[in-house]
Amino acid sequence: MVAKFIYKRGEEEKEIPCAPLLTIGRVPPNDIVVHHPKVSRNHAIIRMLQPGEYYVIDIGSTNGTLVNNKRVVTPTLLVNGDVIAVEDGTLTYHAQETVVEDEDGDDATCAQMTMASSMADLTSEITILVCDIRSYTRLSEKMPTKDLAQMMAKWFKMATQVIEENAGTIDKFIGDAVMVRWTISNKDSKESVIHALKVAKALNDMSLQINQLFVATLPQPFRVGVGINTGAAALGSLGGGGYREYTALGDAVNMAFRFESETRNLGKDVVVGIDSCTHLPKELWEKAMIPVTVKGKTEAVSVWPLTYAELEHAIAGL
């Protein structure tokens, strides 16, 4: 069964095949038109990041988009059976079933597959960027839900655009964080790290815009921290029971998350791992390296910590 949505509104019911991008709004040319006066002209999108992996993203609607009766504030990954509600219209998500054979030759759905068996045996060299919104919990507690949803929709929309402009692939949205990857070939190892640095700078530039646009409702400045790392990772699809995710796994990925966390401890905005730095001219980072001990590691690792001002200066020197 291919992935699809069942759309219902009043007596209307129809099947909508999943596509890489589906737009939802009050009027055409949206892919899914909900003729309701409280639905925004451009209300929400359903976006496929990887095959079989669909996110619902509210794009700043006035009255919000719900998934299982909870308002969408950050991009929300759909699981089989999830119900999207836009006013009096609903979309029920039916994930694609992957059929495999068990040891006895019988068919089994992806729900019976284990993570180990569903993860592709493919290791690649990648550069990973993890960006996290600082003090998001406080923002979500202090800001009106409507304003928070519109602000986050604006930020994620801008973030997606700048990531794609720099040849990055959004691996996943994780609540208020985004994980981006660049797969490296022998010819583009330096380029992948440069792209990551430029994306980090652009994400901060966008955060400054957010502060200007939502100055009346922000309880504190909108800021982001970034961790960047390069290394080997396993790329593949994992999950079951209507949930499939194509992602990167491995120590290099974990370290990117640890480096982002270290930005707070170091009082910096961006932390770049030594394995990323080696793809850049030494004069940029060699004297600025410091050792840090991150969670899960007994030995210190070398990192390059930067403020956004220092990052901008470093990019100018590339």
Protein backbone atom coordinates (compact mmCIF):
# COMPACT_ATOMS: atom_id res chain seq x y z
CA MET A 1 0.00 0.00 0.00
CA VAL A 2 1.42 3.38 -0.97
CA ALA A 3 1.32 6.21 1.55
CA LYS A 4 -1.86 8.30 1.40
CA PHE A 5 -4.22 10.60 3.23
CA ILE A 6 -7.95 10.19 3.65
CA TYR A 7 -9.52 13.64 3.57
CA LYS A 8 -12.92 14.17 5.20
CA ARG A 9 -15.04 17.29 5.53
CA GLY A 10 -18.76 16.94 6.08
CA GLU A 11 -20.03 14.42 3.55
CA GLU A 12 -16.96 14.85 1.36
CA GLU A 13 -14.38 12.07 1.51
CA LYS A 14 -11.49 11.38 -0.84
CA GLU A 15 -8.12 9.70 -1.02
CA ILE A 16 -5.03 11.85 -1.58
CA PRO A 17 -1.75 10.11 -2.48
CA CYS A 18 1.28 11.38 -0.61
CA ALA A 19 3.60 13.58 -2.64
CA PRO A 20 6.95 15.26 -1.90
CA LEU A 21 5.01 18.43 -1.11
CA LEU A 22 1.32 19.01 -0.43
CA THR A 23 -0.01 22.47 0.36
CA ILE A 24 -3.13 23.14 2.44
CA GLY A 25 -5.19 26.31 2.25
CA ARG A 26 -8.57 27.92 1.79
CA VAL A 27 -8.40 28.40 -1.99
CA PRO A 28 -6.72 26.95 -5.10
CA PRO A 29 -4.03 26.40 -6.24
CA ASN A 30 -3.41 24.59 -2.92
CA ASP A 31 -3.26 20.80 -3.29
CA ILE A 32 -5.73 20.36 -0.43
CA VAL A 33 -8.42 23.03 -0.34
CA VAL A 34 -10.46 23.42 2.86
CA HIS A 35 -13.28 25.83 2.08
CA HIS A 36 -13.69 27.34 5.53
CA PRO A 37 -13.56 31.07 6.38
CA LYS A 38 -11.14 30.49 9.28
CA VAL A 39 -8.64 28.58 7.14
CA SER A 40 -5.78 30.78 5.95
CA ARG A 41 -5.15 31.25 2.25
CA ASN A 42 -1.79 29.48 2.75
CA HIS A 43 -2.29 27.42 5.89
CA ALA A 44 0.12 24.48 6.16
CA ILE A 45 2.28 22.09 4.17
CA ILE A 46 2.99 18.37 4.30
CA ARG A 47 6.58 17.83 3.27
CA MET A 48 8.52 14.64 2.57
CA LEU A 49 12.10 14.93 3.81
CA GLN A 50 13.06 11.35 2.94
CA PRO A 51 11.12 8.56 1.22
CA GLY A 52 8.23 7.60 3.51
CA GLU A 53 9.00 10.38 6.00
CA TYR A 54 6.39 13.15 6.08
CA TYR A 55 6.27 16.25 8.27
CA VAL A 56 3.38 18.61 8.89
CA ILE A 57 4.51 22.23 9.02
CA ASP A 58 2.15 25.08 9.85
CA ILE A 59 3.22 28.08 7.76
CA GLY A 60 1.91 30.81 9.99
CA SER A 61 -1.84 30.19 9.80
CA THR A 62 -4.14 32.35 11.89
CA ASN A 63 -6.04 29.58 13.66
CA GLY A 64 -3.49 26.78 13.59
CA THR A 65 -3.09 23.20 12.41
CA LEU A 66 -3.68 20.25 14.74
CA VAL A 67 -2.17 16.77 14.78
CA ASN A 68 -4.09 14.41 17.06
CA ASN A 69 -5.78 17.44 18.67
CA LYS A 70 -2.47 19.14 19.47
CA ARG A 71 -1.51 22.38 17.76
CA VAL A 72 1.50 22.15 15.47
CA VAL A 73 4.19 24.58 16.59
CA THR A 74 7.33 22.88 15.31
CA PRO A 75 7.49 20.51 12.30
CA THR A 76 5.75 17.29 13.30
CA LEU A 77 6.69 13.86 11.92
CA LEU A 78 3.66 11.81 10.96
CA VAL A 79 3.10 8.28 12.22
CA ASN A 80 0.60 5.86 10.72
CA GLY A 81 -2.91 6.77 11.84
CA ASP A 82 -2.17 10.39 12.77
CA VAL A 83 -5.04 12.79 12.12
CA ILE A 84 -4.37 16.31 10.85
CA ALA A 85 -7.19 18.79 11.49
CA VAL A 86 -7.60 22.09 9.70
CA GLU A 87 -10.80 23.61 11.10
CA ASP A 88 -13.58 21.12 10.13
CA GLY A 89 -11.45 19.21 7.62
CA THR A 90 -9.36 16.17 8.61
CA LEU A 91 -6.58 14.22 6.94
CA THR A 92 -5.81 10.74 8.25
CA TYR A 93 -2.31 9.52 7.40
CA HIS A 94 -1.87 5.95 6.14
CA ALA A 95 1.81 5.06 5.91
CA GLN A 96 3.25 2.92 3.16
CA GLU A 97 3.68 -0.70 4.15
CA THR A 98 6.96 -2.36 3.28
CA VAL A 99 6.53 -6.10 2.78
CA VAL A 100 9.39 -8.44 3.54
CA GLU A 101 9.62 -12.21 3.95
CA ASP A 102 10.35 -13.82 7.27
CA GLU A 103 12.42 -16.97 7.72
CA ASP A 104 9.44 -19.19 6.94
CA GLY A 105 8.72 -17.40 3.68
CA ASP A 106 5.63 -15.63 5.03
CA ASP A 107 4.97 -11.98 4.38
CA ALA A 108 5.51 -9.50 7.19
CA THR A 109 4.92 -5.76 7.26
CA CYS A 110 7.49 -3.20 8.27
CA ALA A 111 5.89 -3.22 11.71
CA GLN A 112 7.64 -6.55 12.30
CA MET A 113 11.03 -5.33 11.20
CA THR A 114 13.65 -4.54 13.80
CA MET A 115 15.85 -1.51 13.75
CA ALA A 116 18.89 -3.65 13.13
CA SER A 117 17.45 -5.35 10.09
CA SER A 118 15.95 -2.21 8.59
CA MET A 119 19.05 -0.04 8.90
CA ALA A 120 20.89 -0.02 5.61
CA ASP A 121 24.43 -1.37 5.66
CA LEU A 122 25.89 1.81 4.17
CA THR A 123 28.58 3.91 5.78
CA SER A 124 29.39 7.34 4.41
CA GLU A 125 31.58 10.25 5.38
CA ILE A 126 29.31 13.15 6.24
CA THR A 127 29.36 16.59 7.79
CA ILE A 128 26.57 17.14 10.31
CA LEU A 129 25.13 20.39 11.62
CA VAL A 130 22.81 20.48 14.61
CA CYS A 131 20.98 23.73 15.37
CA ASP A 132 18.96 24.19 18.54
CA ILE A 133 16.82 27.12 19.66
CA ARG A 134 18.03 28.44 23.01
CA SER A 135 15.60 28.35 25.95
CA TYR A 136 12.74 27.17 23.75
CA THR A 137 10.80 25.82 26.72
CA ARG A 138 10.65 29.30 28.26
CA LEU A 139 9.59 30.77 24.92
CA SER A 140 6.79 28.23 24.62
CA GLU A 141 5.61 28.96 28.15
CA LYS A 142 5.68 32.75 27.89
CA MET A 143 4.50 33.41 24.33
CA PRO A 144 0.87 33.13 23.21
CA THR A 145 0.50 29.87 21.27
CA LYS A 146 -0.65 31.68 18.14
CA ASP A 147 2.38 33.97 18.12
CA LEU A 148 4.74 31.11 18.92
CA ALA A 149 3.36 28.99 16.06
CA GLN A 150 3.66 31.86 13.58
CA MET A 151 7.19 32.67 14.73
CA MET A 152 8.38 29.07 14.50
CA ALA A 153 6.73 28.63 11.10
CA LYS A 154 8.62 31.68 9.85
CA TRP A 155 11.93 30.49 11.25
CA PHE A 156 11.69 26.92 9.97
CA LYS A 157 10.64 28.16 6.53
CA MET A 158 13.67 30.45 6.30
CA ALA A 159 15.96 27.75 7.72
CA THR A 160 14.82 25.21 5.14
CA GLN A 161 15.49 27.64 2.32
CA VAL A 162 19.01 28.53 3.39
CA ILE A 163 19.91 24.87 4.03
CA GLU A 164 18.80 23.89 0.53
CA GLU A 165 20.64 26.86 -0.98
CA ASN A 166 23.83 25.48 0.61
CA ALA A 167 23.37 21.93 -0.73
CA GLY A 168 22.38 20.52 2.67
CA THR A 169 19.88 17.77 3.37
CA ILE A 170 17.54 18.15 6.33
CA ASP A 171 17.93 14.81 8.08
CA LYS A 172 15.18 15.50 10.59
CA PHE A 173 13.39 18.04 12.71
CA ILE A 174 13.58 17.26 16.42
CA GLY A 175 11.16 19.53 18.20
CA ASP A 176 12.88 22.89 18.26
CA ALA A 177 16.08 21.57 16.65
CA VAL A 178 17.09 20.71 13.11
CA MET A 179 19.74 18.21 11.99
CA VAL A 180 21.38 18.75 8.59
CA ARG A 181 23.87 16.59 6.72
CA TRP A 182 26.18 16.80 3.74
CA THR A 183 27.47 13.55 2.24
CA ILE A 184 31.13 13.87 1.35
CA SER A 185 32.94 12.62 -1.74
CA ASN A 186 36.69 12.84 -2.21
CA LYS A 187 36.30 16.15 -4.01
CA ASP A 188 33.98 18.06 -1.71
CA SER A 189 35.09 17.48 1.88
CA LYS A 190 36.16 21.11 2.27
CA GLU A 191 33.00 22.35 0.57
CA SER A 192 30.75 20.42 2.95
CA VAL A 193 32.30 22.09 5.99
CA ILE A 194 32.21 25.52 4.35
CA HIS A 195 28.53 24.99 3.56
CA ALA A 196 27.91 24.07 7.20
CA LEU A 197 29.67 27.20 8.44
CA LYS A 198 27.68 29.38 6.04
CA VAL A 199 24.43 27.78 7.14
CA ALA A 200 25.34 28.41 10.79
CA LYS A 201 25.90 32.09 10.02
CA ALA A 202 22.68 32.32 8.01
CA LEU A 203 20.67 30.71 10.82
CA ASN A 204 21.89 33.40 13.17
CA ASP A 205 21.09 36.12 10.63
CA MET A 206 17.56 34.75 10.43
CA SER A 207 17.30 34.72 14.21
CA LEU A 208 18.09 38.44 14.22
CA GLN A 209 15.25 38.93 11.75
CA ILE A 210 12.92 36.96 14.02
CA ASN A 211 13.80 39.27 16.91
CA GLN A 212 12.77 42.27 14.83
CA LEU A 213 9.57 40.71 13.50
CA PHE A 214 8.31 39.46 16.89
CA VAL A 215 9.79 42.06 19.23
CA ALA A 216 6.38 42.80 20.75
CA THR A 217 5.76 39.24 21.97
CA LEU A 218 9.19 37.68 22.51
CA PRO A 219 9.92 37.31 26.25
CA GLN A 220 13.65 37.10 25.50
CA PRO A 221 15.94 37.35 22.47
CA PHE A 222 15.55 34.52 19.95
CA ARG A 223 18.93 32.77 19.71
CA VAL A 224 20.31 29.52 18.33
CA GLY A 225 23.34 27.37 19.07
CA VAL A 226 25.11 25.20 16.49
CA GLY A 227 27.31 22.11 16.61
CA ILE A 228 29.23 20.90 13.54
CA ASN A 229 31.11 17.63 13.11
CA THR A 230 32.48 15.43 10.33
CA GLY A 231 32.92 11.67 10.34
CA ALA A 232 31.64 8.27 9.31
CA ALA A 233 27.96 7.52 9.75
CA ALA A 234 25.54 4.78 8.77
CA LEU A 235 22.84 6.02 6.43
CA GLY A 236 19.64 4.07 6.11
CA SER A 237 16.00 3.55 6.90
CA LEU A 238 14.86 2.36 10.30
CA GLY A 239 11.62 1.91 12.20
CA GLY A 240 8.41 -0.04 11.97
CA GLY A 241 4.72 0.00 12.78
CA GLY A 242 3.94 2.75 10.32
CA TYR A 243 7.00 4.78 11.30
CA ARG A 244 9.94 4.92 8.91
CA GLU A 245 12.85 7.29 9.09
CA TYR A 246 15.82 7.65 6.76
CA THR A 247 18.61 9.03 8.87
CA ALA A 248 22.28 9.08 9.79
CA LEU A 249 23.47 7.23 12.87
CA GLY A 250 26.82 6.88 14.54
CA ASP A 251 29.34 8.49 16.86
CA ALA A 252 29.98 11.38 14.47
CA VAL A 253 26.30 12.32 14.64
CA ASN A 254 26.19 12.01 18.43
CA MET A 255 29.22 14.28 18.71
CA ALA A 256 27.53 17.00 16.66
CA PHE A 257 24.72 17.04 19.23
CA ARG A 258 27.28 17.10 22.07
CA PHE A 259 29.10 20.02 20.45
CA GLU A 260 25.87 22.00 20.21
CA SER A 261 25.34 21.41 23.94
CA GLU A 262 28.88 22.61 24.63
CA THR A 263 28.09 26.03 23.19
CA ARG A 264 26.29 26.85 26.44
CA ASN A 265 29.13 25.64 28.66
CA LEU A 266 31.73 27.56 26.67
CA GLY A 267 29.71 30.75 26.28
CA LYS A 268 30.00 30.48 22.50
CA ASP A 269 27.53 30.22 19.63
CA VAL A 270 29.11 27.55 17.42
CA VAL A 271 31.36 24.59 18.27
CA VAL A 272 33.16 22.82 15.41
CA GLY A 273 34.83 19.44 15.91
CA ILE A 274 38.46 18.78 14.98
CA ASP A 275 37.44 16.35 12.22
CA SER A 276 35.61 19.19 10.46
CA CYS A 277 38.43 21.65 11.05
CA THR A 278 40.99 19.45 9.29
CA HIS A 279 39.20 20.16 6.00
CA LEU A 280 39.84 23.91 6.43
CA PRO A 281 43.02 26.02 6.31
CA LYS A 282 44.96 25.56 9.57
CA GLU A 283 45.52 29.25 10.07
CA LEU A 284 41.80 29.70 10.69
CA TRP A 285 41.41 27.34 13.61
CA GLU A 286 44.71 25.86 14.85
CA LYS A 287 45.42 28.48 17.52
CA ALA A 288 41.79 28.62 18.64
CA MET A 289 41.37 24.92 19.42
CA ILE A 290 40.56 23.92 22.99
CA PRO A 291 40.01 20.52 24.66
CA VAL A 292 36.57 19.67 26.04
CA THR A 293 35.20 16.57 27.69
CA VAL A 294 31.74 15.85 26.36
CA LYS A 295 29.07 13.59 27.78
CA GLY A 296 29.71 9.93 26.96
CA LYS A 297 33.46 10.38 26.40
CA THR A 298 36.23 9.75 28.93
CA GLU A 299 38.91 11.56 26.94
CA ALA A 300 38.89 15.20 25.90
CA VAL A 301 38.29 16.10 22.26
CA SER A 302 39.54 19.17 20.46
CA VAL A 303 36.99 21.72 19.26
CA TRP A 304 36.93 25.15 17.68
CA PRO A 305 34.47 27.38 19.59
CA LEU A 306 33.24 30.59 17.97
CA THR A 307 30.89 33.47 18.48
CA TYR A 308 28.84 34.46 15.44
CA ALA A 309 31.10 37.49 14.97
CA GLU A 310 34.15 35.20 14.95
CA LEU A 311 32.37 32.86 12.55
CA GLU A 312 31.65 35.69 10.14
CA HIS A 313 35.31 36.69 10.23
CA ALA A 314 36.41 33.09 9.61
CA ILE A 315 34.09 32.71 6.61
CA ALA A 316 35.47 35.90 5.13
CA GLY A 317 38.93 34.30 5.26
CA LEU A 318 37.96 31.18 3.32
